[in-house]
N, C-alpha and C. Protein backbone atom coordinates (compact mmCIF):
# COMPACT_ATOMS: atom_id res chain seq x y z
N MET A 1 -11.35 -1.21 17.65
CA MET A 1 -12.55 -2.03 17.86
C MET A 1 -13.69 -1.14 18.29
N ARG A 2 -14.73 -1.15 17.51
CA ARG A 2 -15.94 -0.38 17.85
C ARG A 2 -17.13 -1.32 17.74
N THR A 3 -17.96 -1.31 18.73
CA THR A 3 -19.12 -2.18 18.67
C THR A 3 -20.29 -1.51 19.36
N THR A 4 -21.46 -2.13 19.24
CA THR A 4 -22.69 -1.56 19.77
C THR A 4 -23.44 -2.61 20.54
N HIS A 5 -23.99 -2.21 21.67
CA HIS A 5 -24.93 -3.07 22.39
C HIS A 5 -26.27 -2.35 22.41
N CYS A 6 -27.34 -3.06 22.16
CA CYS A 6 -28.65 -2.42 22.10
C CYS A 6 -29.66 -3.16 22.96
N VAL A 7 -30.60 -2.38 23.49
CA VAL A 7 -31.77 -2.96 24.17
C VAL A 7 -32.97 -2.67 23.29
N ALA A 8 -33.60 -3.70 22.74
CA ALA A 8 -34.72 -3.51 21.83
C ALA A 8 -35.95 -3.04 22.60
N ALA A 9 -36.71 -2.20 21.96
CA ALA A 9 -37.94 -1.68 22.58
C ALA A 9 -39.08 -2.65 22.34
N ALA A 10 -38.99 -3.81 22.94
CA ALA A 10 -40.02 -4.84 22.80
C ALA A 10 -40.65 -5.10 24.16
N LEU A 11 -41.99 -5.33 24.18
CA LEU A 11 -42.64 -5.66 25.45
C LEU A 11 -42.38 -7.15 25.73
N VAL A 12 -41.85 -7.32 25.97
CA VAL A 12 -41.45 -8.68 26.29
C VAL A 12 -40.76 -8.78 27.71
N ALA A 13 -21.92 -15.67 38.04
CA ALA A 13 -21.13 -14.50 37.81
C ALA A 13 -19.67 -14.88 37.77
N PHE A 14 -20.20 -14.54 36.07
CA PHE A 14 -18.78 -14.77 35.85
C PHE A 14 -18.06 -13.43 35.84
N ALA A 15 -16.87 -13.37 36.47
CA ALA A 15 -16.10 -12.11 36.46
C ALA A 15 -14.62 -12.41 36.52
N TRP A 16 -13.87 -11.74 35.65
CA TRP A 16 -12.42 -11.86 35.73
C TRP A 16 -11.92 -11.05 36.91
N PRO A 17 -10.86 -11.52 37.58
CA PRO A 17 -10.30 -10.75 38.69
C PRO A 17 -9.89 -9.37 38.21
N ALA A 18 -10.05 -8.40 39.08
CA ALA A 18 -9.65 -7.04 38.73
C ALA A 18 -8.16 -7.00 38.46
N CYS A 19 -7.79 -6.37 37.38
CA CYS A 19 -6.38 -6.26 37.04
C CYS A 19 -5.83 -4.96 37.61
N ALA A 20 -4.62 -5.04 38.06
CA ALA A 20 -3.96 -3.82 38.57
C ALA A 20 -3.41 -3.05 37.38
N ALA A 21 -4.30 -2.65 36.50
CA ALA A 21 -3.90 -1.97 35.28
C ALA A 21 -4.02 -0.47 35.46
N ASP A 22 -3.13 0.24 34.81
CA ASP A 22 -3.14 1.70 34.92
C ASP A 22 -4.01 2.29 33.82
N TRP A 23 -5.28 1.93 33.84
CA TRP A 23 -6.20 2.46 32.84
C TRP A 23 -7.56 2.66 33.47
N LYS A 24 -8.34 3.52 32.86
CA LYS A 24 -9.69 3.78 33.32
C LYS A 24 -10.53 4.17 32.12
N ALA A 25 -11.72 3.60 32.04
CA ALA A 25 -12.61 3.89 30.92
C ALA A 25 -13.18 5.30 31.04
N VAL A 26 -13.39 5.93 29.90
CA VAL A 26 -14.13 7.18 29.83
C VAL A 26 -15.58 6.81 29.53
N GLU A 27 -16.51 7.24 30.37
CA GLU A 27 -17.92 6.90 30.19
C GLU A 27 -18.73 8.17 29.95
N LYS A 28 -19.53 8.16 28.89
CA LYS A 28 -20.34 9.32 28.52
C LYS A 28 -21.79 8.91 28.35
N THR A 29 -22.69 9.85 28.59
CA THR A 29 -24.11 9.61 28.36
C THR A 29 -24.63 10.63 27.36
N GLU A 30 -25.30 10.14 26.32
CA GLU A 30 -25.96 11.00 25.34
C GLU A 30 -27.45 10.69 25.37
N THR A 31 -28.26 11.64 24.91
CA THR A 31 -29.71 11.44 24.92
C THR A 31 -30.30 11.68 23.54
N TYR A 32 -31.47 11.09 23.32
CA TYR A 32 -32.27 11.41 22.14
C TYR A 32 -33.66 11.83 22.63
N ALA A 33 -34.29 12.75 21.92
CA ALA A 33 -35.52 13.39 22.38
C ALA A 33 -36.74 12.53 22.10
N VAL A 34 -37.63 12.45 23.11
CA VAL A 34 -38.93 11.80 22.94
C VAL A 34 -40.01 12.76 23.40
N SER A 35 -41.21 12.61 22.84
CA SER A 35 -42.31 13.52 23.17
C SER A 35 -43.44 12.78 23.86
N GLY A 36 -44.32 13.56 24.49
CA GLY A 36 -45.47 12.99 25.17
C GLY A 36 -45.54 13.44 26.62
N VAL A 37 -46.75 13.36 27.19
CA VAL A 37 -46.93 13.74 28.59
C VAL A 37 -47.57 12.62 29.41
N THR A 38 -47.73 11.45 28.79
CA THR A 38 -48.18 10.27 29.52
C THR A 38 -47.17 9.15 29.27
N GLY A 39 -47.22 8.13 30.12
CA GLY A 39 -46.31 7.01 29.95
C GLY A 39 -46.48 6.35 28.59
N MET A 40 -47.71 6.17 28.17
CA MET A 40 -47.98 5.55 26.89
C MET A 40 -47.44 6.39 25.73
N GLU A 41 -47.65 7.70 25.81
CA GLU A 41 -47.14 8.58 24.74
C GLU A 41 -45.62 8.57 24.70
N LEU A 42 -44.99 8.57 25.84
CA LEU A 42 -43.52 8.55 25.89
C LEU A 42 -42.99 7.24 25.30
N TYR A 43 -43.62 6.14 25.66
CA TYR A 43 -43.15 4.85 25.15
C TYR A 43 -43.40 4.74 23.64
N ALA A 44 -44.52 5.28 23.18
CA ALA A 44 -44.79 5.29 21.74
C ALA A 44 -43.75 6.11 21.01
N SER A 45 -43.33 7.23 21.61
CA SER A 45 -42.31 8.07 20.99
C SER A 45 -40.96 7.35 20.96
N ILE A 46 -40.65 6.60 22.01
CA ILE A 46 -39.43 5.79 22.01
C ILE A 46 -39.47 4.80 20.84
N GLY A 47 -40.64 4.18 20.66
CA GLY A 47 -40.79 3.22 19.57
C GLY A 47 -40.63 3.84 18.19
N ALA A 48 -40.97 5.14 18.09
CA ALA A 48 -40.88 5.83 16.80
C ALA A 48 -39.52 6.49 16.57
N LYS A 49 -38.87 6.92 17.67
CA LYS A 49 -37.65 7.72 17.53
C LYS A 49 -36.39 7.05 18.05
N GLY A 50 -36.55 5.92 18.72
CA GLY A 50 -35.38 5.24 19.26
C GLY A 50 -34.43 4.81 18.16
N PRO A 51 -33.21 4.51 18.51
CA PRO A 51 -32.21 4.10 17.51
C PRO A 51 -32.69 2.89 16.70
N LEU A 52 -32.51 2.96 15.41
CA LEU A 52 -32.95 1.90 14.51
C LEU A 52 -31.85 0.85 14.40
N LEU A 53 -32.21 -0.40 14.72
CA LEU A 53 -31.26 -1.49 14.67
C LEU A 53 -31.27 -2.16 13.30
N SER A 54 -30.32 -3.06 13.08
CA SER A 54 -30.14 -3.66 11.76
C SER A 54 -31.38 -4.43 11.30
N GLY A 55 -32.10 -5.04 12.25
CA GLY A 55 -33.28 -5.82 11.87
C GLY A 55 -34.54 -4.98 11.71
N GLY A 56 -34.41 -3.66 11.80
CA GLY A 56 -35.56 -2.78 11.67
C GLY A 56 -36.28 -2.52 12.97
N THR A 57 -35.73 -3.02 14.09
CA THR A 57 -36.33 -2.82 15.41
C THR A 57 -35.76 -1.56 16.05
N ARG A 58 -36.60 -0.84 16.76
CA ARG A 58 -36.13 0.32 17.51
C ARG A 58 -35.62 -0.10 18.88
N ALA A 59 -34.71 0.68 19.43
CA ALA A 59 -34.16 0.40 20.76
C ALA A 59 -34.62 1.46 21.75
N ILE A 60 -34.72 1.06 23.01
CA ILE A 60 -34.98 2.02 24.08
C ILE A 60 -33.68 2.75 24.42
N ALA A 61 -32.63 1.97 24.62
CA ALA A 61 -31.33 2.51 25.01
C ALA A 61 -30.26 1.63 24.40
N TYR A 62 -29.08 2.18 24.24
CA TYR A 62 -27.99 1.34 23.74
C TYR A 62 -26.65 1.86 24.21
N THR A 63 -25.69 0.96 24.17
CA THR A 63 -24.34 1.25 24.63
C THR A 63 -23.36 0.93 23.52
N THR A 64 -22.48 1.85 23.22
CA THR A 64 -21.42 1.60 22.27
C THR A 64 -20.08 1.78 22.96
N PHE A 65 -19.05 1.20 22.38
CA PHE A 65 -17.72 1.46 22.91
C PHE A 65 -16.70 1.54 21.80
N ASP A 66 -15.68 2.33 22.07
CA ASP A 66 -14.56 2.50 21.15
C ASP A 66 -13.31 2.11 21.91
N LEU A 67 -12.61 1.09 21.43
CA LEU A 67 -11.44 0.55 22.14
C LEU A 67 -10.21 0.59 21.25
N LYS A 68 -9.18 1.25 21.74
CA LYS A 68 -7.90 1.30 21.05
C LYS A 68 -6.82 0.83 22.03
N TRP A 69 -5.69 0.40 21.48
CA TRP A 69 -4.63 -0.15 22.32
C TRP A 69 -3.27 0.48 22.01
N SER A 70 -2.47 0.59 23.04
CA SER A 70 -1.05 0.89 22.90
C SER A 70 -0.31 -0.33 23.43
N ARG A 71 0.38 -1.06 22.55
CA ARG A 71 1.05 -2.30 22.94
C ARG A 71 2.55 -2.21 22.75
N ASP A 72 3.28 -2.78 23.67
CA ASP A 72 4.74 -2.76 23.65
C ASP A 72 5.25 -4.18 23.42
N TYR A 73 5.58 -4.48 22.16
CA TYR A 73 6.16 -5.78 21.80
C TYR A 73 7.68 -5.65 21.85
N ARG A 74 8.34 -6.59 22.54
CA ARG A 74 9.79 -6.48 22.65
C ARG A 74 10.49 -7.78 22.24
N PRO A 75 11.38 -7.70 21.25
CA PRO A 75 12.21 -8.86 20.91
C PRO A 75 13.09 -9.23 22.11
N GLN A 76 13.27 -10.53 22.32
CA GLN A 76 14.07 -11.02 23.43
C GLN A 76 15.42 -11.56 22.93
N PRO A 77 16.41 -11.63 23.81
CA PRO A 77 17.75 -12.10 23.39
C PRO A 77 17.74 -13.50 22.77
N ASP A 78 16.76 -14.34 23.11
CA ASP A 78 16.73 -15.70 22.56
C ASP A 78 16.01 -15.79 21.22
N GLY A 79 15.63 -14.62 20.66
CA GLY A 79 14.96 -14.62 19.37
C GLY A 79 13.45 -14.67 19.45
N SER A 80 12.92 -14.71 20.66
CA SER A 80 11.46 -14.71 20.84
C SER A 80 10.95 -13.28 20.94
N CYS A 81 9.64 -13.15 21.07
CA CYS A 81 9.03 -11.82 21.25
C CYS A 81 8.02 -11.89 22.38
N THR A 82 8.01 -10.86 23.22
CA THR A 82 7.09 -10.80 24.35
C THR A 82 6.28 -9.51 24.30
N LEU A 83 4.98 -9.64 24.58
CA LEU A 83 4.16 -8.44 24.78
C LEU A 83 4.34 -8.04 26.24
N VAL A 84 5.09 -6.98 26.47
CA VAL A 84 5.42 -6.61 27.85
C VAL A 84 4.40 -5.64 28.45
N LYS A 85 3.63 -4.98 27.58
CA LYS A 85 2.64 -4.04 28.11
C LYS A 85 1.54 -3.84 27.08
N GLY A 86 0.30 -3.72 27.58
CA GLY A 86 -0.82 -3.38 26.72
C GLY A 86 -1.73 -2.43 27.46
N LYS A 87 -1.82 -1.20 26.97
CA LYS A 87 -2.66 -0.20 27.64
C LYS A 87 -3.86 0.11 26.76
N PRO A 88 -5.07 -0.06 27.31
CA PRO A 88 -6.28 0.24 26.54
C PRO A 88 -6.69 1.70 26.65
N TRP A 89 -7.36 2.17 25.63
CA TRP A 89 -8.01 3.49 25.61
C TRP A 89 -9.46 3.23 25.27
N LEU A 90 -10.31 3.19 26.28
CA LEU A 90 -11.69 2.76 26.13
C LEU A 90 -12.65 3.90 26.41
N THR A 91 -13.55 4.15 25.47
CA THR A 91 -14.63 5.11 25.66
C THR A 91 -15.96 4.38 25.52
N ILE A 92 -16.79 4.45 26.56
CA ILE A 92 -18.11 3.83 26.55
C ILE A 92 -19.15 4.94 26.48
N THR A 93 -20.09 4.81 25.56
CA THR A 93 -21.14 5.82 25.42
C THR A 93 -22.51 5.17 25.62
N TYR A 94 -23.26 5.70 26.57
CA TYR A 94 -24.62 5.24 26.84
C TYR A 94 -25.59 6.24 26.19
N ARG A 95 -26.57 5.72 25.48
CA ARG A 95 -27.56 6.59 24.83
C ARG A 95 -28.94 6.25 25.36
N LEU A 96 -29.63 7.27 25.88
CA LEU A 96 -30.90 7.08 26.57
C LEU A 96 -31.92 8.13 26.12
N PRO A 97 -33.21 7.82 26.24
CA PRO A 97 -34.24 8.79 25.86
C PRO A 97 -34.38 9.90 26.89
N LYS A 98 -34.83 11.08 26.42
CA LYS A 98 -35.07 12.23 27.30
C LYS A 98 -36.31 12.98 26.81
N PRO A 99 -37.28 13.24 27.69
CA PRO A 99 -38.50 13.95 27.27
C PRO A 99 -38.20 15.37 26.79
N LEU A 100 -38.94 15.77 25.76
CA LEU A 100 -38.79 17.12 25.22
C LEU A 100 -39.43 18.18 26.13
N GLN A 101 -40.54 17.83 26.78
CA GLN A 101 -41.27 18.83 27.55
C GLN A 101 -41.39 18.40 29.02
N PRO A 102 -41.70 19.33 29.91
CA PRO A 102 -41.91 18.98 31.32
C PRO A 102 -43.04 17.98 31.45
N LEU A 103 -42.90 17.07 32.41
CA LEU A 103 -43.91 16.04 32.61
C LEU A 103 -44.72 16.32 33.87
N PRO A 104 -46.01 16.03 33.83
CA PRO A 104 -46.84 16.22 35.03
C PRO A 104 -46.58 15.12 36.05
N THR A 105 -46.87 15.42 37.30
CA THR A 105 -46.85 14.39 38.34
C THR A 105 -48.13 13.57 38.19
N PRO A 106 -48.13 12.23 38.31
CA PRO A 106 -47.01 11.40 38.73
C PRO A 106 -46.18 10.83 37.59
N VAL A 107 -46.46 11.28 36.33
CA VAL A 107 -45.71 10.76 35.18
C VAL A 107 -44.22 11.03 35.35
N LEU A 108 -43.90 12.20 35.90
CA LEU A 108 -42.49 12.54 36.10
C LEU A 108 -41.81 11.53 37.01
N GLU A 109 -42.47 11.15 38.10
CA GLU A 109 -41.90 10.19 39.03
C GLU A 109 -41.75 8.81 38.37
N ASN A 110 -42.75 8.45 37.58
CA ASN A 110 -42.66 7.18 36.85
C ASN A 110 -41.50 7.20 35.86
N TRP A 111 -41.33 8.34 35.19
CA TRP A 111 -40.24 8.46 34.22
C TRP A 111 -38.89 8.39 34.92
N LYS A 112 -38.78 9.03 36.07
CA LYS A 112 -37.51 8.98 36.80
C LYS A 112 -37.13 7.55 37.16
N ARG A 113 -38.11 6.77 37.59
CA ARG A 113 -37.84 5.36 37.92
C ARG A 113 -37.47 4.58 36.67
N PHE A 114 -38.17 4.87 35.56
CA PHE A 114 -37.90 4.18 34.30
C PHE A 114 -36.49 4.47 33.82
N ILE A 115 -36.11 5.74 33.79
CA ILE A 115 -34.80 6.09 33.24
C ILE A 115 -33.68 5.66 34.18
N ALA A 116 -33.94 5.67 35.49
CA ALA A 116 -32.94 5.18 36.44
C ALA A 116 -32.70 3.69 36.22
N GLY A 117 -33.80 2.94 36.00
CA GLY A 117 -33.66 1.52 35.75
C GLY A 117 -32.96 1.22 34.45
N MET A 118 -33.27 1.99 33.39
CA MET A 118 -32.61 1.77 32.11
C MET A 118 -31.13 2.14 32.18
N THR A 119 -30.82 3.20 32.92
CA THR A 119 -29.41 3.58 33.09
C THR A 119 -28.66 2.47 33.81
N LYS A 120 -29.25 1.93 34.86
CA LYS A 120 -28.62 0.83 35.60
C LYS A 120 -28.39 -0.37 34.69
N HIS A 121 -29.38 -0.65 33.84
CA HIS A 121 -29.25 -1.75 32.90
C HIS A 121 -28.06 -1.54 31.96
N GLU A 122 -27.98 -0.36 31.39
CA GLU A 122 -26.88 -0.09 30.45
C GLU A 122 -25.52 -0.11 31.14
N LYS A 123 -25.48 0.32 32.40
CA LYS A 123 -24.21 0.32 33.13
C LYS A 123 -23.68 -1.10 33.32
N VAL A 124 -24.60 -2.08 33.41
CA VAL A 124 -24.14 -3.47 33.49
C VAL A 124 -23.41 -3.85 32.21
N HIS A 125 -23.94 -3.41 31.07
CA HIS A 125 -23.23 -3.67 29.81
C HIS A 125 -21.88 -2.96 29.80
N GLY A 126 -21.83 -1.77 30.38
CA GLY A 126 -20.55 -1.09 30.50
C GLY A 126 -19.57 -1.90 31.33
N ASP A 127 -20.06 -2.50 32.41
CA ASP A 127 -19.20 -3.35 33.24
C ASP A 127 -18.70 -4.56 32.45
N HIS A 128 -19.58 -5.15 31.64
CA HIS A 128 -19.17 -6.29 30.81
C HIS A 128 -18.03 -5.89 29.87
N ILE A 129 -18.14 -4.69 29.31
CA ILE A 129 -17.10 -4.21 28.39
C ILE A 129 -15.78 -4.02 29.13
N LYS A 130 -15.84 -3.40 30.30
CA LYS A 130 -14.61 -3.18 31.07
C LYS A 130 -13.98 -4.51 31.51
N GLU A 131 -14.82 -5.49 31.86
CA GLU A 131 -14.31 -6.80 32.23
C GLU A 131 -13.68 -7.51 31.04
N MET A 132 -14.24 -7.27 29.84
CA MET A 132 -13.63 -7.81 28.63
C MET A 132 -12.22 -7.27 28.45
N VAL A 133 -12.06 -5.98 28.67
CA VAL A 133 -10.74 -5.36 28.52
C VAL A 133 -9.77 -5.95 29.55
N ASP A 134 -10.24 -6.12 30.79
CA ASP A 134 -9.39 -6.74 31.80
C ASP A 134 -8.99 -8.16 31.40
N ARG A 135 -9.92 -8.88 30.80
CA ARG A 135 -9.59 -10.24 30.35
C ARG A 135 -8.52 -10.19 29.26
N ILE A 136 -8.65 -9.25 28.33
CA ILE A 136 -7.66 -9.14 27.27
C ILE A 136 -6.28 -8.87 27.85
N ILE A 137 -6.21 -7.96 28.82
CA ILE A 137 -4.93 -7.67 29.46
C ILE A 137 -4.37 -8.93 30.12
N ALA A 138 -5.24 -9.64 30.87
CA ALA A 138 -4.79 -10.81 31.62
C ALA A 138 -4.32 -11.94 30.73
N THR A 139 -4.89 -12.06 29.52
CA THR A 139 -4.57 -13.19 28.65
C THR A 139 -3.58 -12.85 27.54
N THR A 140 -3.17 -11.59 27.45
CA THR A 140 -2.22 -11.22 26.38
C THR A 140 -0.90 -10.66 26.90
N VAL A 141 -0.95 -9.82 27.92
CA VAL A 141 0.29 -9.22 28.42
C VAL A 141 1.14 -10.32 29.07
N GLY A 142 2.39 -10.38 28.63
CA GLY A 142 3.30 -11.42 29.12
C GLY A 142 3.43 -12.59 28.18
N VAL A 143 2.59 -12.66 27.14
CA VAL A 143 2.68 -13.76 26.18
C VAL A 143 4.02 -13.68 25.45
N ASN A 144 4.66 -14.84 25.30
CA ASN A 144 5.96 -14.93 24.62
C ASN A 144 5.85 -15.95 23.49
N ILE A 145 6.31 -15.55 22.30
CA ILE A 145 6.28 -16.43 21.14
C ILE A 145 7.73 -16.67 20.68
N PRO A 146 8.16 -17.93 20.64
CA PRO A 146 9.54 -18.23 20.22
C PRO A 146 9.75 -18.00 18.72
N ASN A 147 11.01 -17.85 18.35
CA ASN A 147 11.38 -17.67 16.93
C ASN A 147 10.56 -16.56 16.27
N ASP A 148 10.53 -15.43 16.94
CA ASP A 148 9.73 -14.29 16.44
C ASP A 148 10.49 -12.99 16.68
N ALA A 149 11.69 -12.94 16.19
CA ALA A 149 12.57 -11.78 16.46
C ALA A 149 11.99 -10.48 15.92
N GLU A 150 11.15 -10.57 14.89
CA GLU A 150 10.57 -9.36 14.31
C GLU A 150 9.18 -9.05 14.90
N CYS A 151 8.75 -9.84 15.88
CA CYS A 151 7.47 -9.64 16.57
C CYS A 151 6.29 -9.58 15.59
N LYS A 152 6.31 -10.54 14.66
CA LYS A 152 5.19 -10.64 13.72
C LYS A 152 4.24 -11.77 14.10
N LYS A 153 4.80 -12.92 14.50
CA LYS A 153 3.96 -14.06 14.85
C LYS A 153 3.06 -13.75 16.04
N ILE A 154 3.60 -13.00 16.99
CA ILE A 154 2.84 -12.74 18.21
C ILE A 154 1.57 -11.95 17.92
N ARG A 155 1.62 -11.07 16.95
CA ARG A 155 0.43 -10.27 16.62
C ARG A 155 -0.69 -11.16 16.10
N GLN A 156 -0.30 -12.15 15.28
CA GLN A 156 -1.30 -13.10 14.78
C GLN A 156 -1.80 -13.99 15.90
N HIS A 157 -0.89 -14.42 16.77
CA HIS A 157 -1.25 -15.29 17.89
C HIS A 157 -2.28 -14.63 18.81
N LEU A 158 -2.16 -13.34 19.00
CA LEU A 158 -3.05 -12.64 19.93
C LEU A 158 -4.46 -12.45 19.39
N GLN A 159 -4.66 -12.70 18.11
CA GLN A 159 -6.01 -12.56 17.56
C GLN A 159 -6.98 -13.54 18.21
N THR A 160 -6.47 -14.70 18.63
CA THR A 160 -7.36 -15.71 19.25
C THR A 160 -7.89 -15.24 20.60
N PRO A 161 -7.04 -14.84 21.56
CA PRO A 161 -7.62 -14.36 22.83
C PRO A 161 -8.44 -13.09 22.67
N LEU A 162 -8.10 -12.24 21.71
CA LEU A 162 -8.89 -11.04 21.47
C LEU A 162 -10.29 -11.42 20.99
N SER A 163 -10.36 -12.35 20.05
CA SER A 163 -11.65 -12.79 19.52
C SER A 163 -12.47 -13.49 20.60
N GLU A 164 -11.82 -14.32 21.40
CA GLU A 164 -12.54 -15.03 22.46
C GLU A 164 -13.13 -14.06 23.48
N ALA A 165 -12.37 -13.04 23.85
CA ALA A 165 -12.86 -12.06 24.81
C ALA A 165 -14.05 -11.29 24.24
N SER A 166 -13.98 -10.93 22.96
CA SER A 166 -15.06 -10.19 22.32
C SER A 166 -16.32 -11.04 22.24
N LEU A 167 -16.17 -12.29 21.83
CA LEU A 167 -17.32 -13.18 21.71
C LEU A 167 -17.97 -13.42 23.07
N GLU A 168 -17.16 -13.56 24.10
CA GLU A 168 -17.72 -13.78 25.43
C GLU A 168 -18.50 -12.55 25.91
N GLN A 169 -17.96 -11.36 25.64
CA GLN A 169 -18.66 -10.14 26.05
C GLN A 169 -20.02 -10.04 25.37
N ARG A 170 -20.07 -10.36 24.09
CA ARG A 170 -21.34 -10.30 23.37
C ARG A 170 -22.32 -11.34 23.91
N ALA A 171 -21.81 -12.53 24.21
CA ALA A 171 -22.68 -13.58 24.74
C ALA A 171 -23.24 -13.17 26.10
N ARG A 172 -22.42 -12.60 26.95
CA ARG A 172 -22.88 -12.16 28.27
C ARG A 172 -23.93 -11.06 28.14
N SER A 173 -23.69 -10.12 27.25
CA SER A 173 -24.63 -9.02 27.06
C SER A 173 -25.96 -9.52 26.52
N ASN A 174 -25.88 -10.44 25.55
CA ASN A 174 -27.12 -10.98 24.98
C ASN A 174 -27.91 -11.78 26.02
N ALA A 175 -27.21 -12.56 26.83
CA ALA A 175 -27.88 -13.34 27.87
C ALA A 175 -28.52 -12.42 28.91
N PHE A 176 -27.82 -11.35 29.25
CA PHE A 176 -28.35 -10.39 30.21
C PHE A 176 -29.60 -9.72 29.67
N ASP A 177 -29.59 -9.34 28.40
CA ASP A 177 -30.77 -8.73 27.78
C ASP A 177 -31.95 -9.69 27.77
N ARG A 178 -31.69 -10.94 27.43
CA ARG A 178 -32.79 -11.92 27.40
C ARG A 178 -33.44 -12.04 28.77
N GLU A 179 -32.62 -12.08 29.80
CA GLU A 179 -33.15 -12.18 31.16
C GLU A 179 -33.93 -10.94 31.55
N GLU A 180 -33.36 -9.76 31.27
CA GLU A 180 -33.99 -8.50 31.68
C GLU A 180 -35.27 -8.20 30.91
N MET A 181 -35.34 -8.66 29.66
CA MET A 181 -36.47 -8.31 28.80
C MET A 181 -37.53 -9.40 28.73
N SER A 182 -37.28 -10.53 29.36
CA SER A 182 -38.27 -11.59 29.39
C SER A 182 -39.44 -11.18 30.28
N PRO A 183 -40.60 -11.79 30.13
CA PRO A 183 -41.74 -11.45 30.99
C PRO A 183 -41.36 -11.55 32.47
N GLY A 184 -41.59 -10.46 33.18
CA GLY A 184 -41.22 -10.40 34.59
C GLY A 184 -39.82 -9.90 34.84
N GLY A 185 -39.02 -9.75 33.78
CA GLY A 185 -37.66 -9.24 33.92
C GLY A 185 -37.66 -7.76 34.23
N ASN A 186 -36.53 -7.24 34.64
CA ASN A 186 -36.44 -5.85 35.09
C ASN A 186 -36.87 -4.85 34.02
N VAL A 187 -36.36 -5.00 32.79
CA VAL A 187 -36.72 -4.06 31.73
C VAL A 187 -38.19 -4.19 31.38
N HIS A 188 -38.67 -5.40 31.34
CA HIS A 188 -40.09 -5.63 31.05
C HIS A 188 -40.97 -4.92 32.09
N ARG A 189 -40.59 -5.03 33.36
CA ARG A 189 -41.36 -4.38 34.42
C ARG A 189 -41.26 -2.86 34.32
N LEU A 190 -40.09 -2.35 33.98
CA LEU A 190 -39.93 -0.91 33.82
C LEU A 190 -40.86 -0.36 32.74
N ILE A 191 -40.95 -1.09 31.63
CA ILE A 191 -41.82 -0.67 30.54
C ILE A 191 -43.28 -0.67 30.98
N LEU A 192 -43.69 -1.76 31.61
CA LEU A 192 -45.08 -1.86 32.04
C LEU A 192 -45.43 -0.79 33.07
N ASP A 193 -44.51 -0.54 34.00
CA ASP A 193 -44.77 0.50 35.02
C ASP A 193 -44.90 1.87 34.37
N LEU A 194 -44.07 2.14 33.35
CA LEU A 194 -44.16 3.44 32.68
C LEU A 194 -45.49 3.56 31.91
N VAL A 195 -45.82 2.55 31.14
CA VAL A 195 -47.01 2.60 30.29
C VAL A 195 -48.28 2.62 31.12
N ASN A 196 -48.30 1.84 32.19
CA ASN A 196 -49.53 1.72 32.99
C ASN A 196 -49.62 2.74 34.11
N GLY A 197 -48.55 3.50 34.29
CA GLY A 197 -48.52 4.43 35.42
C GLY A 197 -49.14 5.78 35.16
N GLY A 198 -49.57 6.03 33.97
CA GLY A 198 -50.22 7.31 33.70
C GLY A 198 -49.74 7.94 32.43
């Protein structure tokens, strides 16, 4: 499973209990270069060089993840099958802009606040992804399907909770973006502070 979360460059609690799972996500940060020595120039460069989304819109920052699983399906003496263990291998990658050249004061301070805020925003999406994985573990490990000695039915059965967890993660991320990017929202304020700060 590979997917992408994006924050569009536009001027504009629910939580599953922590699972005692023996897994930990690998989190990486990558950057793309932007040019300019003023807030307006930097934001214009983001608009020109940011990641291109499917609708033709550029993004300020985005988060992708790569999720693989190691699952232990075991036939039971009564002819059923149980998923006794599911271990995820999750890599989350955050992609953020980085200036090409040194910035003058106070633009540098404005940029630091901007990038810190955008990083915090993307980390929330990372948390949503990790909570999705915890939900998958909670709703799949221990599932038992009768009359499935070859452990085939259970694989099909698990597609439903997997799909539900994925759809919920996307809905949460989209709702979070709408809130953050709406007028007065955190991302909206970060953009305005960068552009108007010098």
